N, C-alpha and C. Protein backbone atom coordinates (compact mmCIF):
# COMPACT_ATOMS: atom_id res chain seq x y z
N UNK A 1 4.55 1.43 -19.62
CA UNK A 1 5.48 2.27 -18.92
C UNK A 1 6.07 3.29 -19.88
N UNK A 2 6.19 4.49 -19.41
CA UNK A 2 6.78 5.52 -20.25
C UNK A 2 7.65 6.42 -19.39
N UNK A 3 8.67 6.96 -19.99
CA UNK A 3 9.54 7.87 -19.26
C UNK A 3 9.75 9.12 -20.08
N UNK A 4 9.94 10.23 -19.39
CA UNK A 4 10.27 11.48 -20.05
C UNK A 4 11.74 11.75 -19.83
N UNK A 5 12.42 12.21 -20.81
CA UNK A 5 13.81 12.55 -20.65
C UNK A 5 14.77 11.36 -20.66
N UNK A 6 14.27 10.17 -20.95
CA UNK A 6 15.14 9.01 -21.08
C UNK A 6 15.67 8.45 -19.77
N UNK A 7 15.08 8.81 -18.63
CA UNK A 7 15.55 8.30 -17.34
C UNK A 7 15.11 6.88 -17.09
N UNK A 8 15.48 6.38 -15.93
CA UNK A 8 15.10 5.03 -15.55
C UNK A 8 13.58 4.92 -15.41
N UNK A 9 13.10 3.70 -15.60
CA UNK A 9 11.68 3.41 -15.48
C UNK A 9 11.53 2.28 -14.47
N UNK A 10 10.57 2.42 -13.56
CA UNK A 10 10.33 1.38 -12.56
C UNK A 10 8.85 1.08 -12.47
N UNK A 11 8.54 -0.13 -12.04
CA UNK A 11 7.15 -0.53 -11.82
C UNK A 11 7.11 -1.46 -10.62
N UNK A 12 6.03 -1.38 -9.87
CA UNK A 12 5.79 -2.27 -8.74
C UNK A 12 4.41 -2.85 -8.92
N UNK A 13 4.29 -4.16 -8.79
CA UNK A 13 2.99 -4.82 -8.89
C UNK A 13 2.83 -5.72 -7.67
N UNK A 14 1.61 -5.76 -7.15
CA UNK A 14 1.29 -6.62 -6.02
C UNK A 14 0.24 -7.62 -6.47
N UNK A 15 0.50 -8.89 -6.19
CA UNK A 15 -0.46 -9.94 -6.52
C UNK A 15 -0.90 -10.63 -5.24
N UNK A 16 -2.19 -10.85 -5.13
CA UNK A 16 -2.70 -11.66 -4.02
C UNK A 16 -2.84 -13.08 -4.52
N UNK A 17 -2.11 -13.98 -3.90
CA UNK A 17 -2.09 -15.38 -4.29
C UNK A 17 -3.15 -16.12 -3.47
N UNK A 18 -3.86 -16.99 -4.12
CA UNK A 18 -4.88 -17.75 -3.42
C UNK A 18 -4.24 -18.66 -2.38
N UNK A 19 -4.89 -18.85 -1.24
CA UNK A 19 -4.31 -19.66 -0.16
C UNK A 19 -3.83 -21.02 -0.67
N UNK A 20 -2.62 -21.38 -0.25
CA UNK A 20 -2.03 -22.66 -0.63
C UNK A 20 -1.39 -22.67 -2.00
N UNK A 21 -1.38 -21.55 -2.73
CA UNK A 21 -0.86 -21.52 -4.09
C UNK A 21 0.41 -20.69 -4.26
N UNK A 22 1.01 -20.22 -3.16
CA UNK A 22 2.18 -19.36 -3.28
C UNK A 22 3.32 -20.04 -4.03
N UNK A 23 3.66 -21.27 -3.68
CA UNK A 23 4.78 -21.94 -4.34
C UNK A 23 4.51 -22.14 -5.82
N UNK A 24 3.27 -22.46 -6.19
CA UNK A 24 2.92 -22.63 -7.60
C UNK A 24 3.03 -21.30 -8.35
N UNK A 25 2.62 -20.22 -7.71
CA UNK A 25 2.71 -18.90 -8.35
C UNK A 25 4.17 -18.51 -8.55
N UNK A 26 5.01 -18.74 -7.55
CA UNK A 26 6.44 -18.43 -7.66
C UNK A 26 7.05 -19.26 -8.79
N UNK A 27 6.70 -20.52 -8.87
CA UNK A 27 7.21 -21.39 -9.94
C UNK A 27 6.76 -20.87 -11.31
N UNK A 28 5.54 -20.37 -11.40
CA UNK A 28 5.03 -19.85 -12.67
C UNK A 28 5.81 -18.63 -13.14
N UNK A 29 6.39 -17.88 -12.21
CA UNK A 29 7.16 -16.69 -12.56
C UNK A 29 8.60 -16.98 -12.97
N UNK A 30 9.10 -18.17 -12.71
CA UNK A 30 10.52 -18.47 -12.99
C UNK A 30 10.94 -18.19 -14.43
N UNK A 31 10.16 -18.58 -15.45
CA UNK A 31 10.59 -18.26 -16.82
C UNK A 31 10.73 -16.76 -17.06
N UNK A 32 9.89 -15.96 -16.41
CA UNK A 32 9.96 -14.50 -16.58
C UNK A 32 11.19 -13.94 -15.87
N UNK A 33 11.54 -14.49 -14.71
CA UNK A 33 12.74 -14.06 -14.00
C UNK A 33 13.99 -14.37 -14.82
N UNK A 34 14.03 -15.57 -15.40
CA UNK A 34 15.18 -15.96 -16.23
C UNK A 34 15.29 -15.05 -17.46
N UNK A 35 14.16 -14.74 -18.08
CA UNK A 35 14.15 -13.86 -19.25
C UNK A 35 14.69 -12.48 -18.88
N UNK A 36 14.23 -11.92 -17.78
CA UNK A 36 14.67 -10.59 -17.36
C UNK A 36 16.16 -10.56 -17.06
N UNK A 37 16.68 -11.64 -16.53
CA UNK A 37 18.11 -11.71 -16.20
C UNK A 37 18.99 -11.55 -17.45
N UNK A 38 18.49 -11.97 -18.60
CA UNK A 38 19.27 -11.90 -19.85
C UNK A 38 19.15 -10.55 -20.57
N UNK A 39 18.27 -9.68 -20.12
CA UNK A 39 18.05 -8.41 -20.82
C UNK A 39 19.04 -7.35 -20.34
N UNK A 40 19.75 -6.76 -21.28
CA UNK A 40 20.79 -5.78 -20.94
C UNK A 40 20.22 -4.56 -20.22
N UNK A 41 19.04 -4.10 -20.59
CA UNK A 41 18.47 -2.88 -20.01
C UNK A 41 17.68 -3.10 -18.74
N UNK A 42 17.55 -4.35 -18.31
CA UNK A 42 16.83 -4.63 -17.06
C UNK A 42 17.81 -4.54 -15.91
N UNK A 43 17.63 -3.54 -15.05
CA UNK A 43 18.53 -3.35 -13.93
C UNK A 43 18.10 -4.17 -12.71
N UNK A 44 16.81 -4.28 -12.48
CA UNK A 44 16.27 -5.08 -11.38
C UNK A 44 14.97 -5.72 -11.82
N UNK A 45 14.77 -6.95 -11.44
CA UNK A 45 13.50 -7.64 -11.66
C UNK A 45 13.37 -8.61 -10.49
N UNK A 46 12.69 -8.19 -9.46
CA UNK A 46 12.67 -8.93 -8.21
C UNK A 46 11.27 -9.40 -7.87
N UNK A 47 11.17 -10.61 -7.41
CA UNK A 47 9.91 -11.18 -6.94
C UNK A 47 10.06 -11.42 -5.45
N UNK A 48 9.19 -10.80 -4.67
CA UNK A 48 9.21 -10.95 -3.21
C UNK A 48 7.94 -11.64 -2.75
N UNK A 49 8.06 -12.49 -1.76
CA UNK A 49 6.90 -13.06 -1.09
C UNK A 49 6.75 -12.29 0.22
N UNK A 50 5.78 -11.39 0.25
CA UNK A 50 5.56 -10.58 1.45
C UNK A 50 5.03 -11.45 2.58
N UNK A 51 4.14 -12.36 2.24
CA UNK A 51 3.60 -13.33 3.18
C UNK A 51 3.05 -14.50 2.36
N UNK A 52 2.27 -15.35 2.96
CA UNK A 52 1.81 -16.55 2.26
C UNK A 52 0.86 -16.27 1.10
N UNK A 53 0.25 -15.09 1.08
CA UNK A 53 -0.71 -14.79 0.02
C UNK A 53 -0.40 -13.53 -0.77
N UNK A 54 0.76 -12.90 -0.53
CA UNK A 54 1.08 -11.66 -1.23
C UNK A 54 2.45 -11.74 -1.90
N UNK A 55 2.48 -11.54 -3.21
CA UNK A 55 3.73 -11.44 -3.97
C UNK A 55 3.87 -10.01 -4.46
N UNK A 56 5.09 -9.50 -4.42
CA UNK A 56 5.37 -8.16 -4.90
C UNK A 56 6.47 -8.28 -5.95
N UNK A 57 6.24 -7.66 -7.11
CA UNK A 57 7.22 -7.66 -8.19
C UNK A 57 7.72 -6.22 -8.35
N UNK A 58 9.04 -6.05 -8.29
CA UNK A 58 9.65 -4.75 -8.51
C UNK A 58 10.52 -4.85 -9.75
N UNK A 59 10.30 -3.94 -10.69
CA UNK A 59 11.06 -3.93 -11.94
C UNK A 59 11.70 -2.56 -12.12
N UNK A 60 12.93 -2.53 -12.58
CA UNK A 60 13.60 -1.27 -12.91
C UNK A 60 14.40 -1.45 -14.19
N UNK A 61 14.24 -0.49 -15.09
CA UNK A 61 14.87 -0.54 -16.40
C UNK A 61 15.71 0.72 -16.60
N UNK A 62 16.75 0.61 -17.40
CA UNK A 62 17.66 1.72 -17.66
C UNK A 62 16.98 2.87 -18.41
N UNK A 63 15.93 2.55 -19.17
CA UNK A 63 15.26 3.58 -19.97
C UNK A 63 13.88 3.08 -20.37
N UNK A 64 13.09 3.98 -20.94
CA UNK A 64 11.78 3.59 -21.47
C UNK A 64 11.94 2.56 -22.59
N UNK A 65 12.99 2.72 -23.38
CA UNK A 65 13.23 1.76 -24.47
C UNK A 65 13.51 0.36 -23.91
N UNK A 66 14.28 0.30 -22.81
CA UNK A 66 14.57 -1.00 -22.19
C UNK A 66 13.30 -1.62 -21.61
N UNK A 67 12.42 -0.79 -21.03
CA UNK A 67 11.15 -1.29 -20.50
C UNK A 67 10.28 -1.83 -21.62
N UNK A 68 10.26 -1.13 -22.75
CA UNK A 68 9.49 -1.58 -23.90
C UNK A 68 10.05 -2.89 -24.46
N UNK A 69 11.37 -3.00 -24.48
CA UNK A 69 12.00 -4.24 -24.95
C UNK A 69 11.63 -5.40 -24.03
N UNK A 70 11.64 -5.15 -22.72
CA UNK A 70 11.24 -6.19 -21.77
C UNK A 70 9.80 -6.63 -22.02
N UNK A 71 8.92 -5.66 -22.21
CA UNK A 71 7.51 -6.00 -22.47
C UNK A 71 7.38 -6.86 -23.72
N UNK A 72 8.12 -6.53 -24.75
CA UNK A 72 8.11 -7.31 -25.98
C UNK A 72 8.66 -8.72 -25.75
N UNK A 73 9.77 -8.81 -25.02
CA UNK A 73 10.38 -10.11 -24.75
C UNK A 73 9.49 -10.99 -23.87
N UNK A 74 8.76 -10.36 -22.96
CA UNK A 74 7.88 -11.12 -22.07
C UNK A 74 6.84 -11.90 -22.86
N UNK A 75 6.40 -11.33 -23.96
CA UNK A 75 5.41 -12.02 -24.80
C UNK A 75 5.98 -13.28 -25.45
N UNK A 76 7.32 -13.38 -25.51
CA UNK A 76 7.97 -14.52 -26.16
C UNK A 76 8.36 -15.62 -25.18
N UNK A 77 8.19 -15.36 -23.87
CA UNK A 77 8.59 -16.35 -22.87
C UNK A 77 7.75 -17.60 -23.04
N UNK A 78 8.43 -18.73 -23.10
CA UNK A 78 7.73 -20.01 -23.25
C UNK A 78 7.25 -20.50 -21.90
N UNK A 79 5.96 -20.72 -21.77
CA UNK A 79 5.47 -21.30 -20.52
C UNK A 79 5.85 -22.77 -20.44
N UNK A 80 5.73 -23.37 -19.26
CA UNK A 80 6.00 -24.81 -19.14
C UNK A 80 5.04 -25.59 -20.03
N UNK A 81 5.35 -26.84 -20.32
CA UNK A 81 4.42 -27.66 -21.11
C UNK A 81 3.03 -27.66 -20.48
N UNK A 82 2.02 -27.74 -21.32
CA UNK A 82 0.63 -27.63 -20.86
C UNK A 82 0.32 -28.55 -19.69
N UNK A 83 0.83 -29.75 -19.70
CA UNK A 83 0.52 -30.68 -18.63
C UNK A 83 1.18 -30.32 -17.30
N UNK A 84 2.12 -29.36 -17.31
CA UNK A 84 2.81 -28.97 -16.09
C UNK A 84 2.36 -27.61 -15.56
N UNK A 85 1.38 -26.97 -16.18
CA UNK A 85 1.02 -25.63 -15.75
C UNK A 85 -0.42 -25.53 -15.28
N UNK A 86 -0.62 -24.55 -14.42
CA UNK A 86 -1.95 -24.17 -14.00
C UNK A 86 -2.16 -22.76 -14.53
N UNK A 87 -3.36 -22.42 -14.95
CA UNK A 87 -3.59 -21.04 -15.36
C UNK A 87 -3.30 -20.09 -14.20
N UNK A 88 -2.53 -19.03 -14.46
CA UNK A 88 -2.15 -18.10 -13.40
C UNK A 88 -3.38 -17.49 -12.74
N UNK A 89 -4.45 -17.34 -13.49
CA UNK A 89 -5.67 -16.80 -12.91
C UNK A 89 -6.18 -17.62 -11.74
N UNK A 90 -5.86 -18.89 -11.71
CA UNK A 90 -6.27 -19.75 -10.60
C UNK A 90 -5.31 -19.62 -9.43
N UNK A 91 -4.14 -19.05 -9.66
CA UNK A 91 -3.13 -18.92 -8.61
C UNK A 91 -3.16 -17.57 -7.93
N UNK A 92 -3.40 -16.52 -8.70
CA UNK A 92 -3.28 -15.18 -8.15
C UNK A 92 -4.26 -14.22 -8.81
N UNK A 93 -4.68 -13.24 -8.06
CA UNK A 93 -5.55 -12.18 -8.56
C UNK A 93 -4.80 -10.86 -8.45
N UNK A 94 -4.62 -10.11 -9.55
CA UNK A 94 -3.94 -8.82 -9.45
C UNK A 94 -4.76 -7.89 -8.55
N UNK A 95 -4.08 -7.18 -7.67
CA UNK A 95 -4.78 -6.27 -6.78
C UNK A 95 -4.33 -4.83 -6.94
N UNK A 96 -3.28 -4.57 -7.72
CA UNK A 96 -2.87 -3.19 -7.93
C UNK A 96 -1.45 -3.11 -8.40
N UNK A 97 -1.06 -1.93 -8.73
CA UNK A 97 0.30 -1.67 -9.17
C UNK A 97 0.40 -0.23 -9.65
N UNK A 98 1.58 0.21 -9.88
CA UNK A 98 1.79 1.54 -10.41
C UNK A 98 3.12 1.57 -11.13
N UNK A 99 3.30 2.58 -11.93
CA UNK A 99 4.58 2.79 -12.60
C UNK A 99 4.94 4.25 -12.48
N UNK A 100 6.17 4.53 -12.14
CA UNK A 100 6.57 5.93 -12.11
C UNK A 100 7.30 6.23 -13.41
N UNK A 101 7.14 7.43 -13.89
CA UNK A 101 7.67 7.78 -15.20
C UNK A 101 9.18 7.88 -15.21
N UNK A 102 9.77 8.33 -14.13
CA UNK A 102 11.21 8.51 -14.14
C UNK A 102 11.74 8.45 -12.72
N UNK A 103 12.87 7.85 -12.53
CA UNK A 103 13.54 7.81 -11.23
C UNK A 103 14.82 8.59 -11.37
N UNK A 104 14.99 9.59 -10.51
CA UNK A 104 16.23 10.36 -10.60
C UNK A 104 17.31 9.68 -9.77
N UNK A 105 18.55 9.97 -10.08
CA UNK A 105 19.67 9.40 -9.36
C UNK A 105 19.92 10.12 -8.03
N UNK A 106 19.26 11.24 -7.84
CA UNK A 106 19.51 12.01 -6.60
C UNK A 106 18.53 11.67 -5.51
């Protein structure tokens, strides 16, 4: 994600969750939601269940620097112990996403 002029940065990602795996996918995202909640520059980090097989993640950051900090912090998130996790690839397949460079206040 990059921004010009230091404005807000937002991203939206859509994941298609394999049938019967929505709850497991939501549980897998919990450490990332908790991490985002502690970041000063993260204005919004929302996980929506559109239906039983579609998750939508909306992220908004105060600046490009805050988005970069979030990306760095995400790499440090501790996953659950190995015996309690399923590989996310078995839960969901990415189907698309986009990032806008800047969101104006107007």
